[in-house]
Protein backbone atom coordinates (compact mmCIF):
# COMPACT_ATOMS: atom_id res chain seq x y z
CA MET A 1 116.19 90.94 90.92
CA ASP A 2 112.99 92.80 90.16
CA ASP A 3 113.07 96.39 91.61
CA LEU A 4 109.70 97.54 90.21
CA ILE A 5 107.01 98.46 92.71
CA SER A 6 103.45 99.42 92.03
CA THR A 7 102.62 102.91 93.18
CA GLU A 8 99.12 103.27 91.71
CA TYR A 9 96.11 100.99 92.03
CA ARG A 10 92.93 101.07 89.95
CA PHE A 11 89.51 100.80 91.50
CA LYS A 12 85.87 101.04 90.51
CA LEU A 13 83.44 102.65 92.98
CA LYS A 14 80.18 100.82 93.71
CA VAL A 15 77.97 103.86 93.37
CA GLY A 16 80.13 106.70 92.00
CA LEU A 17 80.53 110.39 92.44
CA ARG A 18 78.54 113.03 90.60
CA GLY A 19 81.14 115.57 89.44
CA PRO A 20 80.79 119.31 89.17
CA ASP A 21 80.02 118.77 85.46
CA GLY A 22 77.09 116.56 86.33
CA LEU A 23 78.68 113.36 85.03
CA LEU A 24 78.97 110.21 87.14
CA TYR A 25 82.58 109.12 87.92
CA ARG A 26 83.23 105.53 89.11
CA GLU A 27 86.70 104.49 87.89
CA GLY A 28 89.91 105.86 89.23
CA THR A 29 93.32 105.26 90.77
CA MET A 30 94.83 105.60 94.18
CA ARG A 31 98.54 106.16 94.62
CA LEU A 32 100.60 105.08 97.53
CA ALA A 33 100.69 107.69 100.30
CA THR A 34 103.95 109.40 101.26
CA ALA A 35 105.16 110.61 104.62
CA ARG A 36 104.49 114.17 103.27
CA ASP A 37 100.82 113.28 102.73
CA GLU A 38 100.51 112.21 106.34
CA ILE A 39 102.38 115.11 107.77
CA GLN A 40 100.73 117.83 105.65
CA THR A 41 97.25 116.63 106.60
CA LEU A 42 98.11 117.12 110.28
CA ARG A 43 98.83 120.78 109.55
CA ASP A 44 95.41 121.37 108.03
CA HIS A 45 93.15 123.46 110.22
CA ARG A 46 90.19 121.20 109.54
CA VAL A 47 92.10 118.21 110.87
CA GLN A 48 93.26 120.18 113.89
CA ALA A 49 89.63 121.03 114.68
CA ASN A 50 88.41 117.48 113.90
CA PRO A 51 91.05 114.68 113.65
CA SER A 52 88.61 112.44 111.81
CA TYR A 53 88.75 114.82 108.90
CA GLN A 54 92.26 113.54 108.16
CA GLN A 55 90.64 110.68 106.27
CA VAL A 56 89.01 113.10 103.87
CA ILE A 57 92.18 115.03 103.25
CA LEU A 58 94.27 111.88 102.69
CA LEU A 59 91.87 110.49 100.18
CA ALA A 60 91.71 113.82 98.33
CA ARG A 61 95.57 113.78 98.07
CA THR A 62 95.84 110.20 96.85
CA VAL A 63 92.79 109.58 94.70
CA THR A 64 92.00 110.52 91.06
CA LEU A 65 88.73 109.73 89.36
CA ASP A 66 88.35 109.24 85.63
CA ARG A 67 88.89 112.52 83.79
CA LEU A 68 88.32 114.85 86.73
CA ASP A 69 91.26 117.32 86.85
CA ALA A 70 91.39 117.52 90.64
CA ILE A 71 89.84 115.82 93.67
CA SER A 72 89.18 118.24 96.48
CA PRO A 73 88.23 117.41 100.07
CA GLU A 74 84.78 118.87 99.26
CA LEU A 75 84.38 116.23 96.44
CA ILE A 76 85.42 113.41 98.82
CA GLU A 77 82.73 114.68 101.24
CA GLU A 78 80.15 114.09 98.51
CA LEU A 79 80.97 110.37 98.18
CA PHE A 80 78.28 107.94 99.26
CA MET A 81 79.35 106.09 102.41
CA THR A 82 79.76 102.73 100.64
CA ASP A 83 82.27 104.37 98.29
CA PHE A 84 84.00 106.32 101.05
CA ALA A 85 84.41 103.12 103.06
CA GLN A 86 85.74 101.30 99.92
CA LEU A 87 88.39 103.96 99.44
CA GLN A 88 89.35 103.87 103.13
CA ARG A 89 89.86 100.07 102.95
CA LEU A 90 91.91 100.42 99.79
CA TYR A 91 94.11 103.10 101.40
CA VAL A 92 94.89 100.76 104.33
CA GLU A 93 95.47 97.80 102.07
CA ILE A 94 97.82 99.36 99.51
CA ASN A 95 99.86 101.26 102.11
CA GLY A 96 100.46 98.14 104.13
CA LEU A 97 99.02 99.61 107.32
CA ASP A 98 97.32 97.75 110.13
CA ASP A 99 94.76 99.15 112.50
CA ASP A 100 97.33 100.57 114.86
CA ASP A 101 99.32 102.38 112.09
CA ALA A 102 96.47 103.68 109.99
CA PRO A 103 95.23 107.20 110.07
CA LEU A 104 92.06 105.74 108.68
CA ALA A 105 91.82 103.76 111.90
CA GLY A 106 89.69 100.71 112.47
CA LEU A 107 89.70 99.53 108.93
CA ASP A 108 91.26 96.49 107.32
CA GLY A 109 91.71 95.18 103.79
CA GLY A 110 88.38 93.26 104.13
CA GLY A 111 88.86 91.27 100.95
CA LEU A 112 89.01 94.31 98.71
CA GLN A 113 90.83 93.50 95.45
CA ALA A 114 93.13 96.24 94.17
CA GLY A 115 94.38 96.15 90.62
CA ASN A 116 97.93 97.30 90.05
CA VAL A 117 98.53 100.00 87.39
């Protein structure tokens, strides 16, 4: 019996993110979300003021890009919408959520291909 599970998935952004160092970052990984990720985002004052902001916090907690040391919510805010939507779809797909379960509500896998790490 095979007990291995994939917990990280590689992706390549369509446009990319200009990092604080001025370089363009397109490749990265997203890890599976944990219950802690979901719970802790609900405690964030920005999410309490605007529940839609949970999407930004969850992506900042689960995404890494190339050689960037850390992904902050402020960096996620700088993503172009096509890349933000791509990451939202990937989050829903790899975490096995449907529209009713997903904090990133209203999104589906939409044919996005995730590569296991």
